[in-house]
Amino acid sequence: MSIYKLKGRFQAVLRPGVGRIAAWGIAANQVTVAAAIVSAVVAAVVWAVTPGQPWVYLLLPGWMLLRMALNAVDGMLAREFAQQSRLGAYLNELCDVIADAALYLALLSVAGVSVHLVWTFVALSALTEYAGVLGLMVGAQRRYDGPMGKSDRAFVIGLLGLLLAGGWIGASAVNAVVAAAAFLCVVTVIRRVRAGLRGGATT
Protein backbone atom coordinates (compact mmCIF):
# COMPACT_ATOMS: atom_id res chain seq x y z
CA MET A 1 0.00 0.00 0.00
CA SER A 2 1.06 3.57 -0.65
CA ILE A 3 -0.49 7.02 -0.44
CA TYR A 4 0.52 7.30 -4.11
CA LYS A 5 -2.59 5.27 -4.96
CA LEU A 6 -4.67 8.33 -4.03
CA LYS A 7 -2.97 10.38 -6.75
CA GLY A 8 -5.85 10.06 -9.22
CA ARG A 9 -8.37 11.58 -6.82
CA PHE A 10 -5.91 14.30 -5.84
CA GLN A 11 -5.39 15.21 -9.49
CA ALA A 12 -9.14 15.38 -10.10
CA VAL A 13 -9.43 18.01 -7.38
CA LEU A 14 -6.52 20.01 -8.80
CA ARG A 15 -7.44 19.77 -12.50
CA PRO A 16 -9.56 22.98 -12.73
CA GLY A 17 -6.74 24.99 -11.16
CA VAL A 18 -4.14 23.42 -13.44
CA GLY A 19 -6.03 24.72 -16.45
CA ARG A 20 -5.86 28.24 -15.08
CA ILE A 21 -2.15 27.88 -14.32
CA ALA A 22 -1.52 26.81 -17.92
CA ALA A 23 -3.56 29.78 -19.15
CA TRP A 24 -1.29 32.10 -17.17
CA GLY A 25 1.67 30.76 -19.13
CA ILE A 26 3.34 28.99 -16.22
CA ALA A 27 5.37 25.98 -17.40
CA ALA A 28 5.72 22.59 -15.74
CA ASN A 29 9.48 22.99 -15.39
CA GLN A 30 9.02 26.32 -13.63
CA VAL A 31 6.74 24.66 -11.07
CA THR A 32 9.26 21.85 -10.57
CA VAL A 33 12.22 24.15 -9.95
CA ALA A 34 10.20 26.54 -7.78
CA ALA A 35 9.06 23.66 -5.56
CA ALA A 36 12.66 22.54 -5.06
CA ILE A 37 13.84 26.06 -4.21
CA VAL A 38 11.03 26.65 -1.71
CA SER A 39 11.73 23.24 -0.16
CA ALA A 40 15.33 24.27 0.47
CA VAL A 41 14.17 27.58 1.96
CA VAL A 42 11.64 25.87 4.24
CA ALA A 43 14.29 23.41 5.41
CA ALA A 44 16.73 26.25 6.12
CA VAL A 45 14.11 28.19 8.10
CA VAL A 46 13.20 25.12 10.16
CA TRP A 47 16.88 24.42 10.81
CA ALA A 48 17.64 27.99 11.86
CA VAL A 49 14.55 28.90 13.88
CA THR A 50 13.13 25.79 15.54
CA PRO A 51 15.60 25.48 18.43
CA GLY A 52 13.83 28.42 20.05
CA GLN A 53 10.52 28.40 18.18
CA PRO A 54 9.16 24.83 17.92
CA TRP A 55 5.93 26.02 16.29
CA VAL A 56 7.97 26.59 13.13
CA TYR A 57 7.91 22.81 12.64
CA LEU A 58 4.38 23.41 11.37
CA LEU A 59 6.03 24.53 8.15
CA LEU A 60 6.85 20.88 7.45
CA PRO A 61 3.29 19.48 7.23
CA GLY A 62 2.04 22.64 5.54
CA TRP A 63 4.73 22.64 2.88
CA MET A 64 4.65 18.87 2.40
CA LEU A 65 0.96 19.07 1.50
CA LEU A 66 1.49 22.02 -0.83
CA ARG A 67 4.52 20.36 -2.40
CA MET A 68 2.54 17.21 -3.13
CA ALA A 69 0.01 19.41 -4.89
CA LEU A 70 2.75 21.13 -6.90
CA ASN A 71 4.23 17.76 -7.86
CA ALA A 72 0.86 16.73 -9.21
CA VAL A 73 0.44 20.08 -10.97
CA ASP A 74 3.76 19.91 -12.81
CA GLY A 75 2.98 16.40 -14.02
CA MET A 76 -0.48 17.40 -15.23
CA LEU A 77 0.89 20.47 -16.99
CA ALA A 78 3.44 18.30 -18.77
CA ARG A 79 1.04 15.54 -19.82
CA GLU A 80 -2.15 17.45 -20.48
CA PHE A 81 -0.72 20.65 -21.96
CA ALA A 82 2.00 19.26 -24.24
CA GLN A 83 4.89 20.34 -22.02
CA GLN A 84 6.69 17.00 -21.71
CA SER A 85 10.41 17.21 -22.44
CA ARG A 86 13.67 15.42 -21.73
CA LEU A 87 14.79 18.33 -19.57
CA GLY A 88 11.54 18.08 -17.65
CA ALA A 89 12.16 14.41 -16.93
CA TYR A 90 15.60 15.18 -15.51
CA LEU A 91 14.34 18.14 -13.48
CA ASN A 92 11.43 16.16 -12.08
CA GLU A 93 13.65 13.40 -10.69
CA LEU A 94 16.64 15.49 -9.61
CA CYS A 95 14.66 18.31 -8.00
CA ASP A 96 12.56 15.82 -6.06
CA VAL A 97 15.61 14.07 -4.62
CA ILE A 98 17.27 17.39 -3.70
CA ALA A 99 14.10 18.77 -2.11
CA ASP A 100 13.47 15.55 -0.20
CA ALA A 101 17.01 15.54 1.19
CA ALA A 102 16.77 19.15 2.34
CA LEU A 103 13.44 18.65 4.09
CA TYR A 104 14.46 15.40 5.78
CA LEU A 105 17.72 16.93 7.00
CA ALA A 106 15.68 19.62 8.74
CA LEU A 107 15.01 16.96 11.39
CA LEU A 108 18.61 17.39 12.51
CA SER A 109 17.44 20.58 14.21
CA VAL A 110 15.87 18.38 16.91
CA ALA A 111 18.33 18.14 19.79
CA GLY A 112 19.42 14.55 20.32
CA VAL A 113 18.32 13.20 16.97
CA SER A 114 20.74 10.68 15.47
CA VAL A 115 22.72 12.24 12.64
CA HIS A 116 23.55 8.80 11.27
CA LEU A 117 19.91 7.70 11.23
CA VAL A 118 18.72 10.82 9.42
CA TRP A 119 21.48 10.61 6.81
CA THR A 120 20.76 6.91 6.32
CA PHE A 121 17.11 7.75 5.75
CA VAL A 122 18.09 10.44 3.23
CA ALA A 123 20.34 8.03 1.34
CA LEU A 124 17.78 5.22 1.30
CA SER A 125 15.06 7.64 0.19
CA ALA A 126 17.20 8.61 -2.80
CA LEU A 127 17.82 4.92 -3.47
CA THR A 128 14.08 4.22 -3.60
CA GLU A 129 13.67 6.84 -6.31
CA TYR A 130 16.66 5.46 -8.21
CA ALA A 131 15.13 1.98 -8.05
CA GLY A 132 11.90 3.42 -9.40
CA VAL A 133 13.57 5.14 -12.34
CA LEU A 134 15.58 2.02 -13.19
CA GLY A 135 12.33 0.33 -14.16
CA LEU A 136 12.48 2.33 -17.39
CA MET A 137 15.94 0.94 -18.16
CA VAL A 138 14.72 -2.67 -18.11
CA GLY A 139 11.75 -2.02 -20.35
CA ALA A 140 9.20 -1.62 -17.56
CA GLN A 141 7.42 1.47 -16.23
CA ARG A 142 8.73 3.97 -13.73
CA ARG A 143 7.90 2.26 -10.43
CA TYR A 144 6.04 4.04 -7.63
CA ASP A 145 5.49 1.06 -5.32
CA GLY A 146 5.35 1.55 -1.55
CA PRO A 147 5.35 1.16 1.34
CA MET A 148 7.71 4.15 1.62
CA GLY A 149 7.43 6.09 -1.62
CA LYS A 150 7.72 9.86 -1.93
CA SER A 151 4.14 10.56 -0.83
CA ASP A 152 4.47 8.20 2.13
CA ARG A 153 7.70 9.87 3.24
CA ALA A 154 6.05 13.28 2.92
CA PHE A 155 3.28 12.09 5.23
CA VAL A 156 5.80 10.79 7.77
CA ILE A 157 7.85 14.00 7.80
CA GLY A 158 4.73 16.14 7.93
CA LEU A 159 3.38 14.15 10.87
CA LEU A 160 6.69 14.45 12.71
CA GLY A 161 6.64 18.20 12.11
CA LEU A 162 3.13 18.45 13.53
CA LEU A 163 4.01 16.43 16.63
CA LEU A 164 7.24 18.35 17.19
CA ALA A 165 5.43 21.68 16.90
CA GLY A 166 3.02 20.59 19.61
CA GLY A 167 5.82 19.37 21.86
CA TRP A 168 4.30 15.89 21.91
CA ILE A 169 7.45 14.02 20.90
CA GLY A 170 11.18 14.36 21.30
CA ALA A 171 14.37 13.01 19.81
CA SER A 172 13.81 9.39 20.85
CA ALA A 173 10.47 9.23 19.05
CA VAL A 174 11.90 10.93 15.96
CA ASN A 175 14.78 8.44 15.93
CA ALA A 176 12.38 5.51 16.16
CA VAL A 177 10.17 6.79 13.35
CA VAL A 178 13.12 7.61 11.10
CA ALA A 179 14.62 4.17 11.72
CA ALA A 180 11.31 2.51 10.82
CA ALA A 181 10.97 4.68 7.71
CA ALA A 182 14.52 3.81 6.66
CA PHE A 183 13.75 0.10 7.00
CA LEU A 184 10.59 0.54 4.92
CA CYS A 185 12.68 2.31 2.28
CA VAL A 186 14.71 -0.89 1.96
CA VAL A 187 11.48 -2.86 1.56
CA THR A 188 10.38 -0.35 -1.07
CA VAL A 189 13.60 -0.73 -3.04
CA ILE A 190 13.18 -4.51 -3.08
CA ARG A 191 9.56 -4.25 -4.18
CA ARG A 192 10.36 -1.78 -6.95
CA VAL A 193 13.19 -3.92 -8.28
CA ARG A 194 11.03 -7.03 -8.27
CA ALA A 195 8.13 -5.23 -9.93
CA GLY A 196 10.47 -3.76 -12.54
CA LEU A 197 11.91 -7.18 -13.33
CA ARG A 198 8.44 -8.65 -13.74
CA GLY A 199 7.33 -5.72 -15.89
CA GLY A 200 10.45 -5.84 -18.02
CA ALA A 201 10.04 -9.55 -18.62
CA THR A 202 6.55 -9.07 -20.03
CA THR A 203 7.30 -6.20 -22.43
C-alpha atoms as a PDB file:
ATOM      1  CA  MET A   1       0.000   0.000   0.000  1.00  0.00           C
ATOM      2  CA  SER A   2       1.059   3.565  -0.648  1.00  0.00           C
ATOM      3  CA  ILE A   3      -0.491   7.024  -0.438  1.00  0.00           C
ATOM      4  CA  TYR A   4       0.519   7.298  -4.109  1.00  0.00           C
ATOM      5  CA  LYS A   5      -2.586   5.266  -4.955  1.00  0.00           C
ATOM      6  CA  LEU A   6      -4.672   8.328  -4.030  1.00  0.00           C
ATOM      7  CA  LYS A   7      -2.971  10.384  -6.751  1.00  0.00           C
ATOM      8  CA  GLY A   8      -5.849  10.057  -9.221  1.00  0.00           C
ATOM      9  CA  ARG A   9      -8.370  11.582  -6.821  1.00  0.00           C
ATOM     10  CA  PHE A  10      -5.910  14.297  -5.840  1.00  0.00           C
ATOM     11  CA  GLN A  11      -5.390  15.208  -9.494  1.00  0.00           C
ATOM     12  CA  ALA A  12      -9.138  15.378 -10.105  1.00  0.00           C
ATOM     13  CA  VAL A  13      -9.430  18.011  -7.381  1.00  0.00           C
ATOM     14  CA  LEU A  14      -6.525  20.013  -8.803  1.00  0.00           C
ATOM     15  CA  ARG A  15      -7.436  19.773 -12.505  1.00  0.00           C
ATOM     16  CA  PRO A  16      -9.562  22.985 -12.726  1.00  0.00           C
ATOM     17  CA  GLY A  17      -6.743  24.991 -11.161  1.00  0.00           C
ATOM     18  CA  VAL A  18      -4.145  23.422 -13.440  1.00  0.00           C
ATOM     19  CA  GLY A  19      -6.031  24.716 -16.455  1.00  0.00           C
ATOM     20  CA  ARG A  20      -5.862  28.241 -15.085  1.00  0.00           C
ATOM     21  CA  ILE A  21      -2.148  27.882 -14.325  1.00  0.00           C
ATOM     22  CA  ALA A  22      -1.525  26.811 -17.921  1.00  0.00           C
ATOM     23  CA  ALA A  23      -3.561  29.783 -19.146  1.00  0.00           C
ATOM     24  CA  TRP A  24      -1.285  32.098 -17.166  1.00  0.00           C
ATOM     25  CA  GLY A  25       1.672  30.760 -19.132  1.00  0.00           C
ATOM     26  CA  ILE A  26       3.341  28.989 -16.216  1.00  0.00           C
ATOM     27  CA  ALA A  27       5.367  25.982 -17.404  1.00  0.00           C
ATOM     28  CA  ALA A  28       5.715  22.593 -15.739  1.00  0.00           C
ATOM     29  CA  ASN A  29       9.484  22.995 -15.394  1.00  0.00           C
ATOM     30  CA  GLN A  30       9.017  26.322 -13.630  1.00  0.00           C
ATOM     31  CA  VAL A  31       6.740  24.664 -11.074  1.00  0.00           C
ATOM     32  CA  THR A  32       9.260  21.850 -10.571  1.00  0.00           C
ATOM     33  CA  VAL A  33      12.215  24.154  -9.951  1.00  0.00           C
ATOM     34  CA  ALA A  34      10.196  26.539  -7.778  1.00  0.00           C
ATOM     35  CA  ALA A  35       9.055  23.663  -5.556  1.00  0.00           C
ATOM     36  CA  ALA A  36      12.665  22.545  -5.057  1.00  0.00           C
ATOM     37  CA  ILE A  37      13.839  26.061  -4.207  1.00  0.00           C
ATOM     38  CA  VAL A  38      11.034  26.649  -1.714  1.00  0.00           C
ATOM     39  CA  SER A  39      11.734  23.236  -0.161  1.00  0.00           C
ATOM     40  CA  ALA A  40      15.328  24.275   0.471  1.00  0.00           C
ATOM     41  CA  VAL A  41      14.174  27.580   1.963  1.00  0.00           C
ATOM     42  CA  VAL A  42      11.635  25.867   4.236  1.00  0.00           C
ATOM     43  CA  ALA A  43      14.289  23.412   5.407  1.00  0.00           C
ATOM     44  CA  ALA A  44      16.727  26.250   6.118  1.00  0.00           C
ATOM     45  CA  VAL A  45      14.114  28.187   8.097  1.00  0.00           C
ATOM     46  CA  VAL A  46      13.199  25.125  10.162  1.00  0.00           C
ATOM     47  CA  TRP A  47      16.876  24.418  10.808  1.00  0.00           C
ATOM     48  CA  ALA A  48      17.638  27.993  11.862  1.00  0.00           C
ATOM     49  CA  VAL A  49      14.550  28.902  13.879  1.00  0.00           C
ATOM     50  CA  THR A  50      13.127  25.790  15.540  1.00  0.00           C
ATOM     51  CA  PRO A  51      15.599  25.478  18.434  1.00  0.00           C
ATOM     52  CA  GLY A  52      13.830  28.423  20.047  1.00  0.00           C
ATOM     53  CA  GLN A  53      10.516  28.404  18.180  1.00  0.00           C
ATOM     54  CA  PRO A  54       9.163  24.833  17.917  1.00  0.00           C
ATOM     55  CA  TRP A  55       5.925  26.022  16.293  1.00  0.00           C
ATOM     56  CA  VAL A  56       7.975  26.592  13.125  1.00  0.00           C
ATOM     57  CA  TYR A  57       7.914  22.806  12.645  1.00  0.00           C
ATOM     58  CA  LEU A  58       4.376  23.409  11.368  1.00  0.00           C
ATOM     59  CA  LEU A  59       6.033  24.527   8.148  1.00  0.00           C
ATOM     60  CA  LEU A  60       6.847  20.877   7.450  1.00  0.00           C
ATOM     61  CA  PRO A  61       3.292  19.477   7.232  1.00  0.00           C
ATOM     62  CA  GLY A  62       2.043  22.643   5.544  1.00  0.00           C
ATOM     63  CA  TRP A  63       4.733  22.644   2.885  1.00  0.00           C
ATOM     64  CA  MET A  64       4.646  18.872   2.401  1.00  0.00           C
ATOM     65  CA  LEU A  65       0.962  19.069   1.500  1.00  0.00           C
ATOM     66  CA  LEU A  66       1.485  22.016  -0.834  1.00  0.00           C
ATOM     67  CA  ARG A  67       4.520  20.359  -2.398  1.00  0.00           C
ATOM     68  CA  MET A  68       2.537  17.205  -3.128  1.00  0.00           C
ATOM     69  CA  ALA A  69       0.006  19.411  -4.886  1.00  0.00           C
ATOM     70  CA  LEU A  70       2.745  21.135  -6.897  1.00  0.00           C
ATOM     71  CA  ASN A  71       4.235  17.763  -7.860  1.00  0.00           C
ATOM     72  CA  ALA A  72       0.858  16.733  -9.207  1.00  0.00           C
ATOM     73  CA  VAL A  73       0.442  20.084 -10.965  1.00  0.00           C
ATOM     74  CA  ASP A  74       3.762  19.915 -12.815  1.00  0.00           C
ATOM     75  CA  GLY A  75       2.980  16.405 -14.020  1.00  0.00           C
ATOM     76  CA  MET A  76      -0.482  17.399 -15.225  1.00  0.00           C
ATOM     77  CA  LEU A  77       0.888  20.471 -16.990  1.00  0.00           C
ATOM     78  CA  ALA A  78       3.444  18.298 -18.767  1.00  0.00           C
ATOM     79  CA  ARG A  79       1.045  15.545 -19.815  1.00  0.00           C
ATOM     80  CA  GLU A  80      -2.147  17.454 -20.484  1.00  0.00           C
ATOM     81  CA  PHE A  81      -0.724  20.655 -21.958  1.00  0.00           C
ATOM     82  CA  ALA A  82       1.996  19.258 -24.239  1.00  0.00           C
ATOM     83  CA  GLN A  83       4.891  20.341 -22.020  1.00  0.00           C
ATOM     84  CA  GLN A  84       6.687  16.999 -21.714  1.00  0.00           C
ATOM     85  CA  SER A  85      10.411  17.209 -22.437  1.00  0.00           C
ATOM     86  CA  ARG A  86      13.666  15.424 -21.730  1.00  0.00           C
ATOM     87  CA  LEU A  87      14.793  18.329 -19.573  1.00  0.00           C
ATOM     88  CA  GLY A  88      11.542  18.084 -17.647  1.00  0.00           C
ATOM     89  CA  ALA A  89      12.158  14.405 -16.927  1.00  0.00           C
ATOM     90  CA  TYR A  90      15.597  15.180 -15.505  1.00  0.00           C
ATOM     91  CA  LEU A  91      14.339  18.138 -13.481  1.00  0.00           C
ATOM     92  CA  ASN A  92      11.432  16.159 -12.085  1.00  0.00           C
ATOM     93  CA  GLU A  93      13.647  13.404 -10.693  1.00  0.00           C
ATOM     94  CA  LEU A  94      16.637  15.488  -9.608  1.00  0.00           C
ATOM     95  CA  CYS A  95      14.660  18.311  -8.002  1.00  0.00           C
ATOM     96  CA  ASP A  96      12.562  15.818  -6.055  1.00  0.00           C
ATOM     97  CA  VAL A  97      15.615  14.073  -4.616  1.00  0.00           C
ATOM     98  CA  ILE A  98      17.269  17.386  -3.702  1.00  0.00           C
ATOM     99  CA  ALA A  99      14.105  18.772  -2.115  1.00  0.00           C
ATOM    100  CA  ASP A 100      13.474  15.552  -0.199  1.00  0.00           C
ATOM    101  CA  ALA A 101      17.007  15.537   1.188  1.00  0.00           C
ATOM    102  CA  ALA A 102      16.773  19.153   2.342  1.00  0.00           C
ATOM    103  CA  LEU A 103      13.442  18.648   4.093  1.00  0.00           C
ATOM    104  CA  TYR A 104      14.464  15.399   5.782  1.00  0.00           C
ATOM    105  CA  LEU A 105      17.724  16.931   6.998  1.00  0.00           C
ATOM    106  CA  ALA A 106      15.678  19.624   8.742  1.00  0.00           C
ATOM    107  CA  LEU A 107      15.007  16.957  11.390  1.00  0.00           C
ATOM    108  CA  LEU A 108      18.614  17.391  12.510  1.00  0.00           C
ATOM    109  CA  SER A 109      17.439  20.585  14.209  1.00  0.00           C
ATOM    110  CA  VAL A 110      15.871  18.379  16.907  1.00  0.00           C
ATOM    111  CA  ALA A 111      18.330  18.139  19.786  1.00  0.00           C
ATOM    112  CA  GLY A 112      19.424  14.550  20.325  1.00  0.00           C
ATOM    113  CA  VAL A 113      18.320  13.195  16.967  1.00  0.00           C
ATOM    114  CA  SER A 114      20.743  10.678  15.472  1.00  0.00           C
ATOM    115  CA  VAL A 115      22.717  12.243  12.637  1.00  0.00           C
ATOM    116  CA  HIS A 116      23.548   8.800  11.268  1.00  0.00           C
ATOM    117  CA  LEU A 117      19.906   7.704  11.228  1.00  0.00           C
ATOM    118  CA  VAL A 118      18.724  10.817   9.422  1.00  0.00           C
ATOM    119  CA  TRP A 119      21.480  10.611   6.809  1.00  0.00           C
ATOM    120  CA  THR A 120      20.763   6.910   6.316  1.00  0.00           C
ATOM    121  CA  PHE A 121      17.107   7.748   5.748  1.00  0.00           C
ATOM    122  CA  VAL A 122      18.086  10.441   3.233  1.00  0.00           C
ATOM    123  CA  ALA A 123      20.340   8.028   1.340  1.00  0.00           C
ATOM    124  CA  LEU A 124      17.781   5.219   1.298  1.00  0.00           C
ATOM    125  CA  SER A 125      15.064   7.637   0.187  1.00  0.00           C
ATOM    126  CA  ALA A 126      17.203   8.608  -2.801  1.00  0.00           C
ATOM    127  CA  LEU A 127      17.819   4.925  -3.474  1.00  0.00           C
ATOM    128  CA  THR A 128      14.081   4.218  -3.596  1.00  0.00           C
ATOM    129  CA  GLU A 129      13.667   6.841  -6.313  1.00  0.00           C
ATOM    130  CA  TYR A 130      16.658   5.459  -8.209  1.00  0.00           C
ATOM    131  CA  ALA A 131      15.131   1.984  -8.045  1.00  0.00           C
ATOM    132  CA  GLY A 132      11.896   3.420  -9.396  1.00  0.00           C
ATOM    133  CA  VAL A 133      13.574   5.138 -12.340  1.00  0.00           C
ATOM    134  CA  LEU A 134      15.577   2.019 -13.192  1.00  0.00           C
ATOM    135  CA  GLY A 135      12.325   0.334 -14.160  1.00  0.00           C
ATOM    136  CA  LEU A 136      12.480   2.327 -17.387  1.00  0.00           C
ATOM    137  CA  MET A 137      15.937   0.942 -18.157  1.00  0.00           C
ATOM    138  CA  VAL A 138      14.718  -2.666 -18.108  1.00  0.00           C
ATOM    139  CA  GLY A 139      11.750  -2.016 -20.347  1.00  0.00           C
ATOM    140  CA  ALA A 140       9.200  -1.616 -17.557  1.00  0.00           C
ATOM    141  CA  GLN A 141       7.421   1.467 -16.231  1.00  0.00           C
ATOM    142  CA  ARG A 142       8.735   3.971 -13.730  1.00  0.00           C
ATOM    143  CA  ARG A 143       7.900   2.263 -10.427  1.00  0.00           C
ATOM    144  CA  TYR A 144       6.043   4.040  -7.626  1.00  0.00           C
ATOM    145  CA  ASP A 145       5.490   1.065  -5.322  1.00  0.00           C
ATOM    146  CA  GLY A 146       5.349   1.546  -1.552  1.00  0.00           C
ATOM    147  CA  PRO A 147       5.354   1.161   1.340  1.00  0.00           C
ATOM    148  CA  MET A 148       7.709   4.149   1.616  1.00  0.00           C
ATOM    149  CA  GLY A 149       7.434   6.094  -1.619  1.00  0.00           C
ATOM    150  CA  LYS A 150       7.721   9.855  -1.931  1.00  0.00           C
ATOM    151  CA  SER A 151       4.144  10.559  -0.825  1.00  0.00           C
ATOM    152  CA  ASP A 152       4.474   8.203   2.131  1.00  0.00           C
ATOM    153  CA  ARG A 153       7.698   9.870   3.237  1.00  0.00           C
ATOM    154  CA  ALA A 154       6.052  13.283   2.917  1.00  0.00           C
ATOM    155  CA  PHE A 155       3.279  12.089   5.227  1.00  0.00           C
ATOM    156  CA  VAL A 156       5.799  10.789   7.774  1.00  0.00           C
ATOM    157  CA  ILE A 157       7.855  13.997   7.804  1.00  0.00           C
ATOM    158  CA  GLY A 158       4.731  16.139   7.927  1.00  0.00           C
ATOM    159  CA  LEU A 159       3.378  14.148  10.868  1.00  0.00           C
ATOM    160  CA  LEU A 160       6.690  14.451  12.706  1.00  0.00           C
ATOM    161  CA  GLY A 161       6.639  18.198  12.113  1.00  0.00           C
ATOM    162  CA  LEU A 162       3.127  18.454  13.530  1.00  0.00           C
ATOM    163  CA  LEU A 163       4.012  16.429  16.626  1.00  0.00           C
ATOM    164  CA  LEU A 164       7.240  18.348  17.189  1.00  0.00           C
ATOM    165  CA  ALA A 165       5.427  21.677  16.900  1.00  0.00           C
ATOM    166  CA  GLY A 166       3.021  20.588  19.615  1.00  0.00           C
ATOM    167  CA  GLY A 167       5.818  19.375  21.857  1.00  0.00           C
ATOM    168  CA  TRP A 168       4.304  15.893  21.914  1.00  0.00           C
ATOM    169  CA  ILE A 169       7.446  14.016  20.901  1.00  0.00           C
ATOM    170  CA  GLY A 170      11.181  14.361  21.296  1.00  0.00           C
ATOM    171  CA  ALA A 171      14.373  13.011  19.805  1.00  0.00           C
ATOM    172  CA  SER A 172      13.811   9.386  20.849  1.00  0.00           C
ATOM    173  CA  ALA A 173      10.466   9.230  19.051  1.00  0.00           C
ATOM    174  CA  VAL A 174      11.904  10.927  15.964  1.00  0.00           C
ATOM    175  CA  ASN A 175      14.782   8.444  15.927  1.00  0.00           C
ATOM    176  CA  ALA A 176      12.381   5.512  16.163  1.00  0.00           C
ATOM    177  CA  VAL A 177      10.167   6.788  13.350  1.00  0.00           C
ATOM    178  CA  VAL A 178      13.120   7.615  11.102  1.00  0.00           C
ATOM    179  CA  ALA A 179      14.620   4.167  11.716  1.00  0.00           C
ATOM    180  CA  ALA A 180      11.315   2.511  10.823  1.00  0.00           C
ATOM    181  CA  ALA A 181      10.967   4.682   7.713  1.00  0.00           C
ATOM    182  CA  ALA A 182      14.518   3.808   6.655  1.00  0.00           C
ATOM    183  CA  PHE A 183      13.748   0.101   6.999  1.00  0.00           C
ATOM    184  CA  LEU A 184      10.594   0.539   4.924  1.00  0.00           C
ATOM    185  CA  CYS A 185      12.682   2.307   2.278  1.00  0.00           C
ATOM    186  CA  VAL A 186      14.712  -0.895   1.963  1.00  0.00           C
ATOM    187  CA  VAL A 187      11.477  -2.857   1.564  1.00  0.00           C
ATOM    188  CA  THR A 188      10.375  -0.348  -1.070  1.00  0.00           C
ATOM    189  CA  VAL A 189      13.604  -0.735  -3.043  1.00  0.00           C
ATOM    190  CA  ILE A 190      13.176  -4.510  -3.080  1.00  0.00           C
ATOM    191  CA  ARG A 191       9.558  -4.253  -4.180  1.00  0.00           C
ATOM    192  CA  ARG A 192      10.360  -1.785  -6.952  1.00  0.00           C
ATOM    193  CA  VAL A 193      13.192  -3.918  -8.284  1.00  0.00           C
ATOM    194  CA  ARG A 194      11.034  -7.033  -8.270  1.00  0.00           C
ATOM    195  CA  ALA A 195       8.131  -5.226  -9.931  1.00  0.00           C
ATOM    196  CA  GLY A 196      10.470  -3.760 -12.536  1.00  0.00           C
ATOM    197  CA  LEU A 197      11.914  -7.178 -13.334  1.00  0.00           C
ATOM    198  CA  ARG A 198       8.440  -8.645 -13.744  1.00  0.00           C
ATOM    199  CA  GLY A 199       7.327  -5.716 -15.890  1.00  0.00           C
ATOM    200  CA  GLY A 200      10.453  -5.839 -18.024  1.00  0.00           C
ATOM    201  CA  ALA A 201      10.036  -9.546 -18.619  1.00  0.00           C
ATOM    202  CA  THR A 202       6.549  -9.073 -20.033  1.00  0.00           C
ATOM    203  CA  THR A 203       7.301  -6.203 -22.430  1.00  0.00           C
END
